[in-house]
Every structure is written in C-alpha cells, then in structure tokens.
N, C-alpha and C. Protein backbone atom coordinates (compact mmCIF):
# COMPACT_ATOMS: atom_id res chain seq x y z
N MET A 1 114.59 81.14 116.26
CA MET A 1 115.60 81.53 115.33
C MET A 1 116.18 80.29 114.67
N VAL A 2 116.68 80.45 113.46
CA VAL A 2 117.29 79.37 112.73
C VAL A 2 118.72 79.75 112.40
N ASP A 3 119.42 78.94 111.60
CA ASP A 3 120.80 79.27 111.24
C ASP A 3 120.86 80.69 110.69
N PHE A 4 121.87 81.42 111.12
CA PHE A 4 121.97 82.82 110.77
C PHE A 4 122.46 83.01 109.34
N ASN A 5 121.78 83.86 108.60
CA ASN A 5 122.16 84.25 107.25
C ASN A 5 122.19 85.77 107.23
N PRO A 6 123.37 86.39 107.04
CA PRO A 6 123.44 87.86 107.08
C PRO A 6 122.51 88.55 106.09
N LYS A 7 122.19 87.89 104.98
CA LYS A 7 121.30 88.49 103.99
C LYS A 7 119.86 88.58 104.50
N MET A 8 119.57 87.81 105.54
CA MET A 8 118.22 87.79 106.09
C MET A 8 118.13 88.56 107.41
N LEU A 9 119.06 89.49 107.61
CA LEU A 9 119.06 90.31 108.83
C LEU A 9 118.58 91.71 108.49
N LYS A 10 117.59 92.17 109.21
CA LYS A 10 117.10 93.54 109.08
C LYS A 10 117.48 94.27 110.36
N VAL A 11 118.22 95.37 110.23
CA VAL A 11 118.67 96.16 111.38
C VAL A 11 117.88 97.46 111.41
N ARG A 12 117.30 97.74 112.58
CA ARG A 12 116.55 98.99 112.77
C ARG A 12 117.14 99.73 113.96
N PHE A 13 117.46 101.00 113.75
CA PHE A 13 117.96 101.84 114.83
C PHE A 13 116.81 102.66 115.39
N ILE A 14 116.66 102.62 116.69
CA ILE A 14 115.61 103.35 117.38
C ILE A 14 116.26 104.56 118.04
N LEU A 15 115.89 105.74 117.58
CA LEU A 15 116.49 106.97 118.10
C LEU A 15 116.40 107.04 119.62
N PRO A 16 117.44 107.51 120.25
CA PRO A 16 118.58 108.25 119.72
C PRO A 16 119.76 107.38 119.28
N ALA A 17 119.62 106.07 119.22
CA ALA A 17 120.72 105.21 118.81
C ALA A 17 121.00 105.40 117.31
N SER A 18 122.27 105.22 116.97
CA SER A 18 122.70 105.31 115.58
C SER A 18 123.70 104.18 115.33
N PRO A 19 124.20 104.04 114.12
CA PRO A 19 125.18 102.99 113.88
C PRO A 19 126.47 103.12 114.68
N THR A 20 126.72 104.30 115.27
CA THR A 20 127.98 104.48 116.01
C THR A 20 127.81 104.92 117.47
N GLU A 21 126.65 105.28 117.89
CA GLU A 21 126.43 105.79 119.25
C GLU A 21 125.07 105.34 119.76
N PRO A 22 124.82 105.36 121.04
CA PRO A 22 125.73 105.54 122.17
C PRO A 22 126.26 104.19 122.64
N LEU A 23 127.32 104.23 123.41
CA LEU A 23 127.80 103.02 124.07
C LEU A 23 127.00 102.82 125.36
N LYS A 24 126.94 103.86 126.16
CA LYS A 24 126.22 103.74 127.43
C LYS A 24 124.72 103.59 127.15
N GLY A 25 124.16 102.51 127.66
CA GLY A 25 122.73 102.27 127.51
C GLY A 25 122.34 101.58 126.20
N ARG A 26 123.31 101.14 125.41
CA ARG A 26 122.99 100.49 124.13
C ARG A 26 122.36 99.13 124.38
N LYS A 27 121.21 98.92 123.74
CA LYS A 27 120.45 97.69 123.95
C LYS A 27 120.04 97.09 122.61
N TYR A 28 119.91 95.76 122.61
CA TYR A 28 119.54 95.03 121.41
C TYR A 28 118.31 94.17 121.70
N THR A 29 117.42 94.13 120.75
CA THR A 29 116.29 93.19 120.77
C THR A 29 116.36 92.44 119.45
N LEU A 30 116.51 91.13 119.53
CA LEU A 30 116.61 90.33 118.31
C LEU A 30 115.47 89.33 118.27
N THR A 31 114.74 89.35 117.17
CA THR A 31 113.63 88.42 116.98
C THR A 31 113.78 87.74 115.63
N TYR A 32 113.02 86.69 115.47
CA TYR A 32 113.02 85.95 114.21
C TYR A 32 111.58 85.74 113.78
N SER A 33 111.31 86.04 112.52
CA SER A 33 109.96 85.87 111.99
C SER A 33 109.91 84.62 111.12
N ASP A 34 109.09 83.65 111.53
CA ASP A 34 108.88 82.46 110.71
C ASP A 34 108.21 82.81 109.39
N ARG A 35 107.40 83.85 109.42
CA ARG A 35 106.65 84.25 108.22
C ARG A 35 107.59 84.75 107.12
N THR A 36 108.60 85.56 107.48
CA THR A 36 109.51 86.14 106.49
C THR A 36 110.88 85.47 106.48
N ASN A 37 111.12 84.57 107.43
CA ASN A 37 112.44 83.93 107.59
C ASN A 37 113.53 84.98 107.80
N GLN A 38 113.20 86.04 108.51
CA GLN A 38 114.12 87.14 108.68
C GLN A 38 114.41 87.38 110.16
N HIS A 39 115.69 87.65 110.46
CA HIS A 39 116.07 88.12 111.79
C HIS A 39 115.87 89.63 111.80
N ILE A 40 115.36 90.15 112.89
CA ILE A 40 115.16 91.59 113.04
C ILE A 40 115.92 92.02 114.29
N LEU A 41 116.89 92.91 114.09
CA LEU A 41 117.70 93.42 115.18
C LEU A 41 117.34 94.87 115.40
N ASP A 42 116.73 95.15 116.56
CA ASP A 42 116.44 96.53 116.95
C ASP A 42 117.54 96.99 117.88
N ILE A 43 118.13 98.15 117.58
CA ILE A 43 119.20 98.72 118.38
C ILE A 43 118.72 100.05 118.90
N GLY A 44 118.74 100.20 120.22
CA GLY A 44 118.26 101.45 120.82
C GLY A 44 118.79 101.62 122.22
N THR A 45 118.19 102.55 122.94
CA THR A 45 118.53 102.77 124.34
C THR A 45 117.49 102.14 125.26
N ASP A 46 116.48 101.54 124.65
CA ASP A 46 115.47 100.77 125.36
C ASP A 46 115.27 99.47 124.59
N PHE A 47 114.81 98.43 125.26
CA PHE A 47 114.47 97.19 124.58
C PHE A 47 113.15 97.39 123.84
N ASN A 48 112.99 96.68 122.74
CA ASN A 48 111.73 96.70 122.01
C ASN A 48 110.89 95.52 122.52
N TYR A 49 110.30 95.70 123.70
CA TYR A 49 109.51 94.62 124.30
C TYR A 49 108.30 94.26 123.45
N GLU A 50 107.81 95.19 122.64
CA GLU A 50 106.67 94.88 121.78
C GLU A 50 107.02 93.81 120.75
N ALA A 51 108.30 93.70 120.41
CA ALA A 51 108.73 92.70 119.42
C ALA A 51 108.79 91.30 120.02
N VAL A 52 109.00 91.21 121.33
CA VAL A 52 109.09 89.91 122.00
C VAL A 52 107.71 89.62 122.59
N THR A 53 106.88 88.98 121.77
CA THR A 53 105.51 88.71 122.15
C THR A 53 105.24 87.22 122.11
N GLU A 54 104.03 86.86 122.39
CA GLU A 54 103.65 85.45 122.29
C GLU A 54 103.77 84.94 120.86
N LYS A 55 103.62 85.84 119.88
CA LYS A 55 103.76 85.43 118.48
C LYS A 55 105.21 85.25 118.08
N LEU A 56 106.12 85.95 118.74
CA LEU A 56 107.56 85.83 118.50
C LEU A 56 108.26 85.58 119.84
N PRO A 57 108.02 84.42 120.45
CA PRO A 57 108.50 84.21 121.82
C PRO A 57 109.99 83.94 121.94
N ASP A 58 110.68 83.70 120.83
CA ASP A 58 112.09 83.34 120.91
C ASP A 58 113.02 84.54 120.84
N GLY A 59 112.49 85.72 121.05
CA GLY A 59 113.32 86.92 121.02
C GLY A 59 114.29 86.95 122.19
N ILE A 60 115.41 87.62 121.93
CA ILE A 60 116.39 87.79 123.00
C ILE A 60 116.66 89.28 123.17
N ILE A 61 116.99 89.64 124.38
CA ILE A 61 117.35 91.02 124.68
C ILE A 61 118.75 91.03 125.28
N ILE A 62 119.55 92.01 124.83
CA ILE A 62 120.96 92.07 125.20
C ILE A 62 121.33 93.52 125.43
N GLU A 63 122.22 93.77 126.38
CA GLU A 63 122.66 95.14 126.62
C GLU A 63 124.11 95.18 127.08
N TRP A 64 124.74 96.32 126.77
CA TRP A 64 126.08 96.55 127.27
C TRP A 64 125.99 97.01 128.71
N GLN A 65 126.80 96.39 129.56
CA GLN A 65 126.87 96.77 130.97
C GLN A 65 128.33 97.03 131.32
N ASN A 66 128.51 97.89 132.32
CA ASN A 66 129.87 98.19 132.77
C ASN A 66 129.83 98.61 134.23
N ASP A 67 130.44 97.81 135.07
CA ASP A 67 130.71 98.27 136.42
C ASP A 67 132.21 98.42 136.55
N TRP A 68 132.96 97.35 136.51
CA TRP A 68 134.41 97.47 136.50
C TRP A 68 135.00 97.01 135.17
N GLN A 69 134.19 96.35 134.33
CA GLN A 69 134.59 95.99 132.96
C GLN A 69 133.34 95.85 132.11
N TYR A 70 133.52 96.05 130.81
CA TYR A 70 132.38 95.89 129.92
C TYR A 70 132.02 94.42 129.76
N ARG A 71 130.74 94.18 129.64
CA ARG A 71 130.23 92.85 129.34
C ARG A 71 128.92 93.03 128.57
N LEU A 72 128.60 92.02 127.81
CA LEU A 72 127.34 91.99 127.10
C LEU A 72 126.46 91.00 127.84
N ALA A 73 125.34 91.50 128.36
CA ALA A 73 124.46 90.67 129.17
C ALA A 73 123.12 90.52 128.46
N GLY A 74 122.70 89.28 128.31
CA GLY A 74 121.44 89.01 127.63
C GLY A 74 120.47 88.25 128.49
N ARG A 75 119.22 88.34 128.10
CA ARG A 75 118.16 87.57 128.77
C ARG A 75 117.30 86.92 127.71
N VAL A 76 116.86 85.74 128.05
CA VAL A 76 115.93 85.03 127.18
C VAL A 76 114.86 84.41 128.07
N PHE A 77 113.63 84.42 127.61
CA PHE A 77 112.53 83.92 128.40
C PHE A 77 112.23 82.47 128.02
N VAL A 78 112.51 81.56 128.93
CA VAL A 78 112.21 80.15 128.70
C VAL A 78 110.71 79.95 128.80
N ASP A 79 110.15 80.50 129.86
CA ASP A 79 108.70 80.40 130.04
C ASP A 79 108.25 81.47 131.02
N ARG A 80 106.97 81.68 130.98
CA ARG A 80 106.33 82.60 131.93
C ARG A 80 105.20 81.86 132.64
N GLY A 81 105.39 80.54 132.77
CA GLY A 81 104.39 79.72 133.44
C GLY A 81 103.42 79.03 132.51
N GLU A 82 103.59 79.21 131.20
CA GLU A 82 102.63 78.64 130.26
C GLU A 82 102.98 77.21 129.83
N TYR A 83 104.15 76.70 130.22
CA TYR A 83 104.57 75.36 129.81
C TYR A 83 104.66 74.41 131.00
N THR A 84 104.51 73.12 130.72
CA THR A 84 104.78 72.11 131.74
C THR A 84 106.29 72.08 131.94
N VAL A 85 106.76 71.43 132.98
CA VAL A 85 108.19 71.36 133.22
C VAL A 85 108.91 70.66 132.06
N GLU A 86 108.29 69.65 131.48
CA GLU A 86 108.90 68.94 130.35
C GLU A 86 109.01 69.85 129.12
N GLU A 87 107.95 70.60 128.85
CA GLU A 87 107.96 71.52 127.71
C GLU A 87 108.98 72.64 127.94
N ALA A 88 109.05 73.13 129.17
CA ALA A 88 110.00 74.18 129.50
C ALA A 88 111.44 73.66 129.35
N GLU A 89 111.68 72.44 129.73
CA GLU A 89 113.02 71.86 129.58
C GLU A 89 113.41 71.77 128.11
N GLU A 90 112.49 71.33 127.27
CA GLU A 90 112.77 71.23 125.83
C GLU A 90 113.04 72.62 125.25
N ARG A 91 112.23 73.58 125.65
CA ARG A 91 112.42 74.95 125.18
C ARG A 91 113.75 75.52 125.67
N PHE A 92 114.09 75.27 126.92
CA PHE A 92 115.36 75.72 127.50
C PHE A 92 116.53 75.19 126.67
N ASN A 93 116.52 73.91 126.34
CA ASN A 93 117.60 73.30 125.57
C ASN A 93 117.66 73.88 124.16
N GLN A 94 116.52 74.11 123.54
CA GLN A 94 116.49 74.71 122.20
C GLN A 94 117.05 76.13 122.23
N LEU A 95 116.61 76.91 123.20
CA LEU A 95 117.06 78.30 123.28
C LEU A 95 118.55 78.40 123.56
N ARG A 96 119.05 77.53 124.42
CA ARG A 96 120.49 77.54 124.71
C ARG A 96 121.31 77.41 123.44
N ASN A 97 120.85 76.57 122.53
CA ASN A 97 121.58 76.35 121.28
C ASN A 97 121.36 77.48 120.28
N LYS A 98 120.26 78.21 120.38
CA LYS A 98 119.95 79.26 119.42
C LYS A 98 120.62 80.59 119.75
N ILE A 99 121.12 80.72 120.96
CA ILE A 99 121.74 81.99 121.36
C ILE A 99 122.91 82.34 120.44
N ALA A 100 123.70 81.35 120.04
CA ALA A 100 124.85 81.62 119.17
C ALA A 100 124.40 82.30 117.87
N ASN A 101 123.29 81.85 117.29
CA ASN A 101 122.78 82.51 116.08
C ASN A 101 122.41 83.95 116.37
N GLY A 102 121.81 84.17 117.52
CA GLY A 102 121.45 85.54 117.90
C GLY A 102 122.67 86.42 118.04
N LEU A 103 123.73 85.88 118.61
CA LEU A 103 124.96 86.66 118.79
C LEU A 103 125.64 86.93 117.45
N LEU A 104 125.51 86.01 116.52
CA LEU A 104 126.01 86.27 115.16
C LEU A 104 125.28 87.47 114.57
N GLY A 105 123.96 87.54 114.80
CA GLY A 105 123.17 88.66 114.31
C GLY A 105 123.58 89.98 114.93
N VAL A 106 123.83 89.98 116.23
CA VAL A 106 124.26 91.21 116.90
C VAL A 106 125.64 91.63 116.41
N ALA A 107 126.57 90.69 116.36
CA ALA A 107 127.93 91.01 115.94
C ALA A 107 127.96 91.56 114.51
N PHE A 108 127.24 90.90 113.62
CA PHE A 108 127.23 91.33 112.23
C PHE A 108 126.42 92.62 112.05
N GLY A 109 125.27 92.68 112.68
CA GLY A 109 124.39 93.84 112.51
C GLY A 109 124.92 95.12 113.11
N ASP A 110 125.78 95.02 114.11
CA ASP A 110 126.32 96.22 114.76
C ASP A 110 127.83 96.33 114.59
N ARG A 111 128.35 95.81 113.49
CA ARG A 111 129.80 95.78 113.27
C ARG A 111 130.40 97.17 113.11
N LEU A 112 129.66 98.15 112.58
CA LEU A 112 130.20 99.51 112.48
C LEU A 112 130.41 100.09 113.87
N PHE A 113 129.45 99.89 114.74
CA PHE A 113 129.58 100.33 116.13
C PHE A 113 130.79 99.68 116.78
N LEU A 114 130.94 98.38 116.58
CA LEU A 114 132.06 97.65 117.18
C LEU A 114 133.40 98.12 116.63
N SER A 115 133.41 98.58 115.39
CA SER A 115 134.67 99.09 114.84
C SER A 115 135.09 100.38 115.53
N ASN A 116 134.11 101.11 116.10
CA ASN A 116 134.42 102.33 116.86
C ASN A 116 134.82 102.04 118.30
N TYR A 117 134.50 100.85 118.79
CA TYR A 117 134.80 100.45 120.17
C TYR A 117 135.44 99.06 120.17
N PRO A 118 136.63 98.90 119.59
CA PRO A 118 137.23 97.56 119.48
C PRO A 118 137.46 96.87 120.82
N LEU A 119 137.54 97.64 121.89
CA LEU A 119 137.69 97.06 123.22
C LEU A 119 136.53 96.12 123.55
N LEU A 120 135.36 96.39 122.99
CA LEU A 120 134.17 95.58 123.28
C LEU A 120 134.24 94.18 122.65
N LEU A 121 135.09 94.02 121.66
CA LEU A 121 135.18 92.72 120.98
C LEU A 121 135.61 91.61 121.93
N ASP A 122 136.36 91.97 122.96
CA ASP A 122 136.84 90.97 123.92
C ASP A 122 136.03 90.93 125.21
N ALA A 123 134.95 91.68 125.25
CA ALA A 123 134.10 91.68 126.44
C ALA A 123 133.37 90.34 126.56
N PRO A 124 133.26 89.80 127.77
CA PRO A 124 132.55 88.54 127.93
C PRO A 124 131.05 88.71 127.70
N ILE A 125 130.42 87.63 127.25
CA ILE A 125 128.99 87.62 127.00
C ILE A 125 128.33 86.61 127.94
N TYR A 126 127.32 87.06 128.66
CA TYR A 126 126.58 86.19 129.58
C TYR A 126 125.10 86.25 129.23
N PHE A 127 124.45 85.10 129.31
CA PHE A 127 123.02 85.05 129.09
C PHE A 127 122.32 84.46 130.30
N PHE A 128 121.26 85.14 130.71
CA PHE A 128 120.43 84.70 131.82
C PHE A 128 119.14 84.13 131.25
N PHE A 129 118.85 82.92 131.62
CA PHE A 129 117.63 82.25 131.18
C PHE A 129 116.59 82.42 132.27
N GLU A 130 115.47 83.03 131.92
CA GLU A 130 114.42 83.30 132.89
C GLU A 130 113.31 82.27 132.74
N SER A 131 112.87 81.75 133.88
CA SER A 131 111.85 80.71 133.88
C SER A 131 111.11 80.71 135.20
N ASN A 132 109.91 80.20 135.19
CA ASN A 132 109.18 79.98 136.43
C ASN A 132 109.70 78.75 137.17
N TYR A 133 110.46 77.90 136.45
CA TYR A 133 111.04 76.70 137.04
C TYR A 133 112.49 76.97 137.44
N SER A 134 112.82 76.73 138.67
CA SER A 134 114.16 77.05 139.17
C SER A 134 115.26 76.29 138.43
N ALA A 135 114.97 75.10 137.93
CA ALA A 135 115.98 74.32 137.21
C ALA A 135 116.46 75.03 135.94
N PHE A 136 115.66 75.93 135.39
CA PHE A 136 116.01 76.57 134.13
C PHE A 136 116.40 78.04 134.30
N LYS A 137 116.45 78.50 135.54
CA LYS A 137 116.95 79.84 135.83
C LYS A 137 118.46 79.71 135.94
N GLN A 138 119.13 79.96 134.83
CA GLN A 138 120.58 79.74 134.79
C GLN A 138 121.26 80.85 134.02
N CYS A 139 122.58 80.92 134.21
CA CYS A 139 123.41 81.88 133.50
C CYS A 139 124.49 81.10 132.75
N TYR A 140 124.73 81.48 131.49
CA TYR A 140 125.74 80.81 130.67
C TYR A 140 126.68 81.85 130.08
N TYR A 141 127.93 81.44 129.93
CA TYR A 141 128.95 82.25 129.27
C TYR A 141 128.97 81.88 127.80
N TYR A 142 128.96 82.88 126.91
CA TYR A 142 128.91 82.65 125.47
C TYR A 142 130.11 83.23 124.72
N GLY A 143 131.23 83.37 125.37
CA GLY A 143 132.42 83.83 124.67
C GLY A 143 132.46 85.33 124.50
N THR A 144 132.99 85.77 123.33
CA THR A 144 133.13 87.19 123.03
C THR A 144 132.61 87.45 121.61
N LEU A 145 132.32 88.71 121.31
CA LEU A 145 131.85 89.05 119.97
C LEU A 145 132.93 88.82 118.92
N LYS A 146 134.19 88.92 119.32
CA LYS A 146 135.27 88.64 118.37
C LYS A 146 135.14 87.22 117.82
N GLN A 147 134.78 86.28 118.68
CA GLN A 147 134.60 84.90 118.23
C GLN A 147 133.49 84.80 117.19
N TYR A 148 132.43 85.56 117.37
CA TYR A 148 131.31 85.50 116.43
C TYR A 148 131.64 86.21 115.12
N LEU A 149 132.33 87.35 115.19
CA LEU A 149 132.73 88.04 113.97
C LEU A 149 133.73 87.20 113.18
N ASN A 150 134.58 86.45 113.86
CA ASN A 150 135.55 85.61 113.17
C ASN A 150 134.86 84.56 112.31
N GLN A 151 133.66 84.19 112.65
CA GLN A 151 132.92 83.22 111.83
C GLN A 151 132.57 83.81 110.46
N PHE A 152 132.55 85.13 110.37
CA PHE A 152 132.31 85.80 109.09
C PHE A 152 133.63 86.14 108.41
N GLN A 153 134.73 85.84 109.08
CA GLN A 153 136.05 86.25 108.60
C GLN A 153 136.05 87.75 108.37
N TYR A 154 135.48 88.43 109.36
CA TYR A 154 135.34 89.88 109.30
C TYR A 154 136.22 90.46 110.39
N GLU A 155 137.09 91.36 110.03
CA GLU A 155 137.96 91.97 111.02
C GLU A 155 137.61 93.44 111.17
N ILE A 156 137.76 93.90 112.39
CA ILE A 156 137.52 95.32 112.66
C ILE A 156 138.85 95.99 112.87
C-alpha cells in the first residue's frame, strides 16, 4: 500500500453486509493493486482471503470484536516462511508503517457505518503481525478510528 488517497479507494460490500449493517461479525479485507494504484476495501461477514494472495501480499484483514468492549483487531502476514530473516525484518518494518494507510481506508470507506455506531470511533485498534519468525510475531496498538477520520477533517 502507498499513501492513501480517498479518490483511489474502491469499496465492495459482500452480502449480507451493507453500508450500515451488521456490526456483529463485520470484517474488512484491504488490498492495494500496483497495477491500478487503487485500494480495494471488501466489507463482509467473512474475510476475502482470495484477495490476499502472493500477487497482493500486503493485504490486511480487520474485524470488529467484542468481549467486554469493542475493539478493531487486524492481522497482517509478514511472511509464511518464504523470506530470510533479514527480508522478513524489512517487510515487517514496511508493513508496520503501512497499517496507518490501511486504517485510513477503513475509516473513510466505512464512514456511513461508523456514523450509525459512533461508539466504535473510540474503540482501540490492535494489529497482530504473523510470521514464521518469533521476533516478528507482535501486537501493536494503532489508536482509534476517530484519529484516522480526523485526518480527513470528517466528523460523524
């Protein structure tokens, strides 16, 4: 993914998801196409694993979770064993920095949904980095969606 441009975001709803429902089980798959320079945000009740392939390896998957409070939990694949430790480290560092662009895409692309559930704007966001190397299996806090929407000067 590269710097986020809202004009280059394509949002696709996968039934039964819609711009306003459901909250329970809502999942996001965000990919970036070098060919079209476009971010593609799939919103559904399942992840679009077909979109996160070897051809588009920088995809992220995110979902709303709730046990005692709502949170947005994401996963990103650093490697599946195909990189050396040095290559995996470089990829890990690149992906850590690209997550913010992905969250801008989710916040902007699903802003109508968020306007129906303003409580979610303050929910914490956590990302789990998955890797075959233990050094890169980590969890990071990425703030709240309100912080990302504020970058657009967009209020709900």
